[in-house]
Structures are given as structure tokens and as C-alpha cells.
């Protein structure tokens, strides 16, 4: 039908959400942003948060409304991006972060998070600094502009320019807390 196909489902875990820790919204946000750069279309198919929570009287509609706008920053980030021809790209990164990138010979989207921020507690470091991402980019473009984005608002923070070396570009990340996204334009 020439429509996107939902190929998966994401969420925090199989445990009932009444057992989620107080800061579980970090994990929900991470699931959404990871899906944004995965090349899949399952970012907002959150099992408990979007559907099944309605069947639990202790949760119900207030629970589902709690996460109803969680994806808006990611939507702002990808607004106007044509994903046609995008593919996951090989990305290597320093040990303090974890994430992924996808794109083509003209644009790369990336999202990286604090590698130590893991469930079930999602403890955040005060600041993540001196981290870099190396992305293998297709094509031959030499000069690239990197725009960094706040993942809680979807707003651009700052920009830098990088130069291709061989088949890769090296992106020094600015200091951040929790996670950061970027768009790279040739």
C-alpha cells in the first residue's frame, strides 16, 4: 500500500510499568531516539506506554498521557529530512558513549548517549566530555557541517565544521548530559 510497515516494538522491559523506577522517562526517551537512528520504524510502538497500560486500573489514561508527547523532540529533529536512500552507517566512538548513525552521501543523523546510563536506574553523569564519533560516510564530499541538537527540546544547540579523512569524518562532541543528537550536512 506504499505505507510504512511497523517491524518491531520497543519499550523498557517486560515488567509491568507500575514497577518502573521514578526516572524511567529517560529509558523511554532513549528508546525513541535509538529508533530514530536505527533505520526502523518502531520508535513509538511502546508496548505498555502506548496501549497495554490502559488495562491496568492503577495506570490507565493518566499513565498513557504521561508519555503522549515524549517523541516531539525527535519529530522536530527529523522534520523535513528525506530518509529515502538512508542506511545505517558504521560508527565508532569513544568508550564514554553509545549510539548509532544513519544517512547517505549528503546527510548523516546520529544520536549518542551516556554509556553508563543503563536500566534499571538510568543514573546520569553530571557531564559527558571529550567524546568523539567517527562515521564512515558514502560519497566523496570533503567538508561537512555538524549541527548538534538538544534531545529534550529538539532545538539546535551549536554547529561545527569537520573535514573528511579517507572514508570517515571525526565528530568531536560538545559537553552534554545524558544524550545528544546531530545532523551532518555535506
Protein backbone atom coordinates (compact mmCIF):
# COMPACT_ATOMS: atom_id res chain seq x y z
CA UNK A 1 0.00 0.00 0.00
CA UNK A 2 3.08 2.26 -0.19
CA UNK A 3 2.86 2.89 3.54
CA UNK A 4 5.47 2.37 6.28
CA UNK A 5 5.44 -1.02 7.92
CA UNK A 6 5.85 -1.42 11.64
CA UNK A 7 8.51 -4.09 12.07
CA UNK A 8 9.03 -4.13 15.78
CA UNK A 9 8.13 -2.98 19.22
CA UNK A 10 10.21 -1.28 21.85
CA UNK A 11 9.92 -0.36 25.47
CA UNK A 12 11.77 -0.55 28.73
CA UNK A 13 11.24 -4.18 29.65
CA UNK A 14 8.57 -6.84 30.04
CA UNK A 15 7.91 -5.91 33.65
CA UNK A 16 4.67 -4.16 34.48
CA UNK A 17 5.13 -0.37 34.45
CA UNK A 18 3.90 0.08 38.00
CA UNK A 19 7.32 -1.34 38.89
CA UNK A 20 9.24 1.22 36.80
CA UNK A 21 11.65 3.46 38.70
CA UNK A 22 10.79 7.15 39.05
CA UNK A 23 13.20 8.21 36.29
CA UNK A 24 12.03 5.69 33.68
CA UNK A 25 11.23 8.51 31.25
CA UNK A 26 14.96 8.51 30.45
CA UNK A 27 14.65 4.96 29.13
CA UNK A 28 11.53 5.85 27.14
CA UNK A 29 13.33 8.82 25.58
CA UNK A 30 16.37 6.65 24.79
CA UNK A 31 14.14 4.08 23.06
CA UNK A 32 12.61 6.80 20.88
CA UNK A 33 15.95 8.36 19.93
CA UNK A 34 17.60 4.98 19.29
CA UNK A 35 14.75 4.13 16.92
CA UNK A 36 15.23 7.47 15.15
CA UNK A 37 18.74 6.48 14.06
CA UNK A 38 18.07 2.75 13.65
CA UNK A 39 16.51 2.83 10.21
CA UNK A 40 13.46 1.00 11.62
CA UNK A 41 10.03 2.45 12.23
CA UNK A 42 9.27 1.14 15.70
CA UNK A 43 10.14 4.17 17.79
CA UNK A 44 6.71 4.93 19.11
CA UNK A 45 5.40 1.39 19.44
CA UNK A 46 5.95 1.30 23.17
CA UNK A 47 4.07 -1.74 24.45
CA UNK A 48 2.99 -0.55 27.89
CA UNK A 49 3.16 3.18 27.28
CA UNK A 50 1.00 3.31 24.15
CA UNK A 51 -1.53 0.56 24.63
CA UNK A 52 -1.48 -2.13 27.24
CA UNK A 53 -1.25 0.25 30.22
CA UNK A 54 -4.93 1.13 29.67
CA UNK A 55 -5.91 -2.30 31.02
CA UNK A 56 -4.36 -1.63 34.42
CA UNK A 57 -6.69 0.40 36.65
CA UNK A 58 -3.70 1.67 38.63
CA UNK A 59 -2.26 3.11 35.39
CA UNK A 60 -4.98 3.82 32.81
CA UNK A 61 -5.30 7.02 30.79
CA UNK A 62 -3.08 9.17 33.09
CA UNK A 63 -0.21 6.72 32.52
CA UNK A 64 -0.63 6.80 28.75
CA UNK A 65 -0.89 10.61 28.72
CA UNK A 66 2.36 10.84 30.70
CA UNK A 67 4.27 9.73 27.59
CA UNK A 68 1.99 11.17 24.90
CA UNK A 69 4.44 13.91 23.85
CA UNK A 70 7.74 12.19 24.61
CA UNK A 71 8.58 11.83 20.90
CA UNK A 72 8.09 15.51 19.95
CA UNK A 73 11.80 16.48 20.22
CA UNK A 74 12.73 13.60 17.88
CA UNK A 75 9.94 14.65 15.50
CA UNK A 76 11.33 18.21 15.45
CA UNK A 77 14.81 16.82 14.81
CA UNK A 78 13.76 14.83 11.72
CA UNK A 79 11.22 17.35 10.38
CA UNK A 80 11.93 17.82 6.67
CA UNK A 81 14.50 15.01 6.47
CA UNK A 82 14.04 12.72 3.47
CA UNK A 83 15.01 9.23 4.65
CA UNK A 84 14.89 7.79 1.12
CA UNK A 85 18.26 6.15 0.50
CA UNK A 86 19.36 6.31 4.14
CA UNK A 87 21.14 3.30 5.57
CA UNK A 88 22.83 2.52 8.89
CA UNK A 89 26.42 3.80 8.81
CA UNK A 90 29.45 2.34 10.51
CA UNK A 91 30.22 4.48 13.55
CA UNK A 92 32.93 4.00 16.13
CA UNK A 93 33.07 6.07 19.28
CA UNK A 94 34.97 6.68 22.48
CA UNK A 95 34.13 4.48 25.49
CA UNK A 96 32.02 7.04 27.38
CA UNK A 97 29.19 6.97 24.85
CA UNK A 98 26.98 4.59 22.95
CA UNK A 99 24.75 5.21 19.91
CA UNK A 100 24.31 4.97 16.16
CA UNK A 101 24.22 6.90 12.91
CA UNK A 102 22.45 6.54 9.60
CA UNK A 103 22.41 8.56 6.42
CA UNK A 104 23.60 8.87 2.86
CA UNK A 105 26.24 10.80 0.91
CA UNK A 106 24.63 14.15 1.78
CA UNK A 107 23.34 13.83 5.34
CA UNK A 108 24.06 11.83 8.48
CA UNK A 109 21.84 11.64 11.55
CA UNK A 110 23.39 10.49 14.82
CA UNK A 111 22.35 10.01 18.41
CA UNK A 112 24.69 9.14 21.28
CA UNK A 113 24.11 8.71 24.99
CA UNK A 114 25.99 8.31 28.22
CA UNK A 115 27.24 4.70 28.06
CA UNK A 116 26.87 4.34 31.83
CA UNK A 117 23.17 5.34 31.80
CA UNK A 118 21.65 1.86 31.89
CA UNK A 119 18.46 0.32 33.24
CA UNK A 120 17.01 -0.18 35.66
CA UNK A 121 18.21 3.03 37.33
CA UNK A 122 19.41 5.20 34.40
CA UNK A 123 21.95 7.02 36.53
CA UNK A 124 23.29 10.09 34.75
CA UNK A 125 26.76 11.52 34.99
CA UNK A 126 26.90 15.27 35.60
CA UNK A 127 28.62 15.88 32.28
CA UNK A 128 29.95 13.82 29.38
CA UNK A 129 33.00 15.44 27.82
CA UNK A 130 35.88 14.77 25.44
CA UNK A 131 33.96 12.18 23.41
CA UNK A 132 34.25 11.64 19.65
CA UNK A 133 32.33 9.76 16.98
CA UNK A 134 33.94 8.53 13.76
CA UNK A 135 31.45 7.86 10.96
CA UNK A 136 32.15 6.15 7.64
CA UNK A 137 30.30 8.26 5.08
CA UNK A 138 29.49 7.31 1.49
CA UNK A 139 30.27 9.59 -1.43
CA UNK A 140 33.13 12.00 -1.90
CA UNK A 141 32.09 15.21 -0.12
CA UNK A 142 35.04 16.68 1.77
CA UNK A 143 33.57 19.37 4.02
CA UNK A 144 30.71 18.71 6.42
CA UNK A 145 28.73 20.90 8.84
CA UNK A 146 27.68 19.23 12.10
CA UNK A 147 24.63 20.65 13.90
CA UNK A 148 24.16 19.43 17.48
CA UNK A 149 20.66 19.11 18.98
CA UNK A 150 19.17 19.04 22.47
CA UNK A 151 17.24 15.77 22.73
CA UNK A 152 14.77 17.14 25.27
CA UNK A 153 13.62 20.03 23.06
CA UNK A 154 14.67 19.11 19.52
CA UNK A 155 16.35 22.54 19.23
CA UNK A 156 19.74 23.07 17.63
CA UNK A 157 22.49 23.92 20.12
CA UNK A 158 25.62 24.69 18.11
CA UNK A 159 27.46 23.86 14.88
CA UNK A 160 30.99 22.91 13.88
CA UNK A 161 32.70 22.02 10.62
CA UNK A 162 34.67 18.82 10.00
CA UNK A 163 36.70 17.56 7.07
CA UNK A 164 36.59 14.07 5.62
CA UNK A 165 39.72 11.96 6.10
CA UNK A 166 39.66 8.97 3.78
CA UNK A 167 36.19 7.48 4.11
CA UNK A 168 35.40 8.91 7.54
CA UNK A 169 34.57 12.08 9.38
CA UNK A 170 35.53 12.55 13.03
CA UNK A 171 32.98 14.44 15.11
CA UNK A 172 34.14 15.87 18.46
CA UNK A 173 31.03 16.08 20.63
CA UNK A 174 30.41 19.12 22.82
CA UNK A 175 29.97 18.56 26.54
CA UNK A 176 26.49 17.21 27.30
CA UNK A 177 24.44 15.40 29.90
CA UNK A 178 22.55 12.18 29.14
CA UNK A 179 22.40 12.24 25.33
CA UNK A 180 22.94 14.36 22.23
CA UNK A 181 21.85 14.19 18.60
CA UNK A 182 23.46 15.60 15.47
CA UNK A 183 22.75 16.23 11.80
CA UNK A 184 25.73 16.31 9.48
CA UNK A 185 25.35 18.02 6.09
CA UNK A 186 27.82 17.78 3.21
